[in-house]
Protein backbone atom coordinates (compact mmCIF):
# COMPACT_ATOMS: atom_id res chain seq x y z
CA MET A 1 -28.11 28.02 -21.06
CA LYS A 2 -25.80 28.94 -18.14
CA LYS A 3 -27.48 26.61 -16.18
CA THR A 4 -26.86 23.82 -18.58
CA LEU A 5 -23.10 24.70 -18.66
CA ILE A 6 -22.88 24.59 -14.85
CA ILE A 7 -24.68 21.48 -14.77
CA ALA A 8 -22.21 19.89 -17.39
CA ALA A 9 -19.29 21.20 -15.50
CA ILE A 10 -20.48 19.76 -12.46
CA MET A 11 -20.91 16.39 -13.86
CA LEU A 12 -17.47 16.36 -15.63
CA LEU A 13 -15.92 17.22 -12.29
CA VAL A 14 -17.67 14.36 -10.60
CA ALA A 15 -16.91 12.06 -13.50
CA GLY A 16 -13.18 13.12 -13.15
CA THR A 17 -13.00 12.45 -9.35
CA VAL A 18 -14.65 8.80 -10.00
CA SER A 19 -12.09 8.01 -12.90
CA LEU A 20 -9.20 9.57 -10.77
CA ASP A 21 -10.00 6.72 -8.17
CA ALA A 22 -10.44 4.03 -10.89
CA ARG A 23 -7.04 5.11 -12.33
CA THR A 24 -5.46 4.56 -8.89
CA LYS A 25 -6.79 1.31 -8.47
CA ALA A 26 -5.86 0.20 -12.14
CA LYS A 27 -2.25 1.78 -11.46
CA ALA A 28 -1.97 -0.56 -8.41
CA LYS A 29 -3.06 -3.62 -10.23
CA LYS A 30 -0.86 -3.01 -13.36
CA ALA A 31 2.31 -2.36 -11.35
CA THR A 32 2.80 -5.89 -10.43
CA ASN A 33 5.10 -6.47 -13.54
CA GLY A 34 8.30 -8.37 -12.58
CA THR A 35 10.13 -7.08 -9.46
CA THR A 36 7.95 -3.98 -8.71
CA GLN A 37 4.40 -4.17 -7.30
CA VAL A 38 2.09 -1.46 -6.08
CA ILE A 39 -0.21 -2.73 -3.43
CA TYR A 40 -3.50 -0.82 -2.98
CA THR A 41 -4.96 -1.07 0.55
CA GLY A 42 -8.44 0.38 -0.13
CA GLU A 43 -10.05 -3.03 -0.63
CA ILE A 44 -8.03 -5.21 1.67
CA ALA A 45 -8.13 -2.74 4.57
CA LYS A 46 -11.40 -0.96 4.04
CA LYS A 47 -12.38 -1.37 7.71
CA VAL A 48 -9.28 0.09 9.06
CA ILE A 49 -10.48 3.44 10.24
CA GLY A 50 -8.51 6.47 10.93
CA TYR A 51 -10.15 9.35 13.04
CA ASN A 52 -12.46 10.44 10.13
CA GLY A 53 -12.65 7.18 8.05
CA PRO A 54 -10.54 4.84 6.09
CA THR A 55 -7.04 5.90 4.89
CA PRO A 56 -6.19 3.77 1.75
CA LEU A 57 -2.45 3.60 0.40
CA ASN A 58 -0.44 2.69 -2.35
CA ILE A 59 2.47 0.86 -1.44
CA THR A 60 5.34 0.46 -3.93
CA VAL A 61 7.65 -2.50 -3.36
CA LYS A 62 10.56 -2.86 -5.74
CA ASN A 63 12.88 -5.86 -5.46
CA GLY A 64 11.60 -6.66 -2.09
CA VAL A 65 12.22 -3.11 -0.79
CA ILE A 66 9.53 -0.63 0.22
CA GLU A 67 10.27 2.21 -2.25
CA SER A 68 7.25 4.54 -1.48
CA ILE A 69 4.08 4.87 0.13
CA GLU A 70 1.54 7.09 -0.98
CA VAL A 71 -1.74 8.27 1.02
CA LEU A 72 -4.72 8.33 -1.18
CA SER A 73 -7.85 10.32 -1.10
CA ASN A 74 -9.27 10.23 2.44
CA GLN A 75 -11.37 12.31 5.13
CA GLU A 76 -8.64 12.86 7.56
CA SER A 77 -7.90 16.41 8.79
CA PRO A 78 -4.94 17.55 6.71
CA GLY A 79 -2.87 18.66 9.64
CA TYR A 80 -3.17 15.56 11.58
CA LEU A 81 -2.64 13.57 8.50
CA LYS A 82 0.70 15.50 7.56
CA ARG A 83 1.82 14.86 11.20
CA ALA A 84 0.97 11.17 11.07
CA LYS A 85 2.54 10.91 7.49
CA ASP A 86 5.79 12.70 8.51
CA LYS A 87 6.24 10.44 11.54
CA VAL A 88 5.06 7.05 10.29
CA LEU A 89 5.85 6.74 6.60
CA PRO A 90 9.66 7.29 6.75
CA GLN A 91 10.17 4.51 9.08
CA TYR A 92 9.01 2.06 6.35
CA ILE A 93 10.81 3.65 3.34
CA GLY A 94 13.99 1.63 2.20
CA LYS A 95 13.33 -1.53 4.53
CA THR A 96 12.62 -5.02 3.13
CA VAL A 97 9.27 -6.25 3.28
CA ALA A 98 10.26 -8.82 6.03
CA GLU A 99 12.06 -5.96 8.08
CA ALA A 100 8.76 -3.90 7.77
CA LYS A 101 6.38 -6.69 8.85
CA LYS A 102 8.57 -6.84 11.93
CA LEU A 103 8.85 -3.29 12.61
CA LYS A 104 7.10 -1.62 15.59
CA PRO A 105 6.84 2.11 14.43
CA ASP A 106 6.61 5.17 16.40
CA ILE A 107 3.10 6.94 16.18
CA ALA A 108 2.80 10.77 15.99
CA THR A 109 1.79 12.54 18.91
CA GLY A 110 -1.46 14.12 18.57
CA ALA A 111 -2.42 12.17 15.56
CA THR A 112 -2.72 8.81 17.23
CA TYR A 113 -5.75 7.41 15.35
CA THR A 114 -4.54 8.42 11.95
CA SER A 115 -1.02 7.16 12.76
CA GLU A 116 -2.60 3.74 13.90
CA ALA A 117 -4.79 3.58 10.55
CA LEU A 118 -1.66 4.03 8.49
CA ILE A 119 0.27 1.60 10.30
CA LYS A 120 -2.50 -0.99 10.03
CA ASN A 121 -2.98 -0.43 6.23
CA ILE A 122 0.81 -0.86 5.64
CA GLN A 123 0.73 -4.17 7.73
CA MET A 124 -2.10 -5.42 5.90
CA GLY A 125 -0.60 -4.43 2.47
CA LEU A 126 2.61 -5.92 3.25
CA ASN A 127 0.99 -9.28 3.88
CA GLN A 128 -0.14 -9.12 0.32
CA ALA A 129 3.36 -8.45 -0.89
CA LYS A 130 5.07 -11.12 -3.08
CA SER A 131 8.35 -11.81 -1.60
CA THR A 132 11.03 -12.63 -4.15
CA SER A 133 13.30 -14.15 -1.39
CA THR A 134 10.67 -16.81 -0.80
CA LYS A 135 10.60 -17.98 -4.34
CA LYS A 136 14.23 -18.33 -4.37
CA THR A 137 14.40 -20.22 -1.02
CA ALA A 138 11.60 -22.46 -2.25
CA THR A 139 13.34 -23.08 -5.61
CA LYS A 140 16.71 -23.93 -3.73
CA LYS A 141 14.84 -26.34 -1.35
CA ALA A 142 13.16 -28.11 -4.34
CA THR A 143 16.44 -28.37 -6.01
CA THR A 144 18.10 -29.83 -3.04
CA LYS A 145 15.37 -32.42 -2.41
CA LYS A 146 15.53 -33.55 -5.89
CA LYS A 147 19.24 -34.06 -5.66
CA ALA A 148 18.87 -35.79 -2.35
CA THR A 149 16.47 -38.24 -3.81
CA LYS A 150 18.53 -38.99 -6.86
CA LYS A 151 21.41 -40.01 -4.68
CA ARG A 152 19.35 -42.42 -2.52
CA ARG A 153 18.45 -44.26 -5.71
């Protein structure tokens, strides 16, 4: 009886871990409503390797500005990951997507591989960001072009 309970508890624990990852992905997909989007880098940057493996992120962009960057489950050493997170992530928070794409961030001394993996994940994630300013510019150009065409006729 005890053996059955232990096995059941282990199965629930494993199922909870799997569903947590699925919920993280679902959160990232659902959050693209209106002006807020959450970019999950686990798929687009799966080949980006830190010291011990991939370092997936959720990047929250609200109204074209980076609101937060969440480091998701990974195999990095906690001390090195903390050092890299504390150094790299604040350099992006509060910046527009365009500003962040141009940023040449400092890396954490002693956590080089982890820092570089975080930076690469952020860059790849931001390439997926929908730019609200680009849409406005494209709309203005189309409107201006229509007006110019009407004047010629």
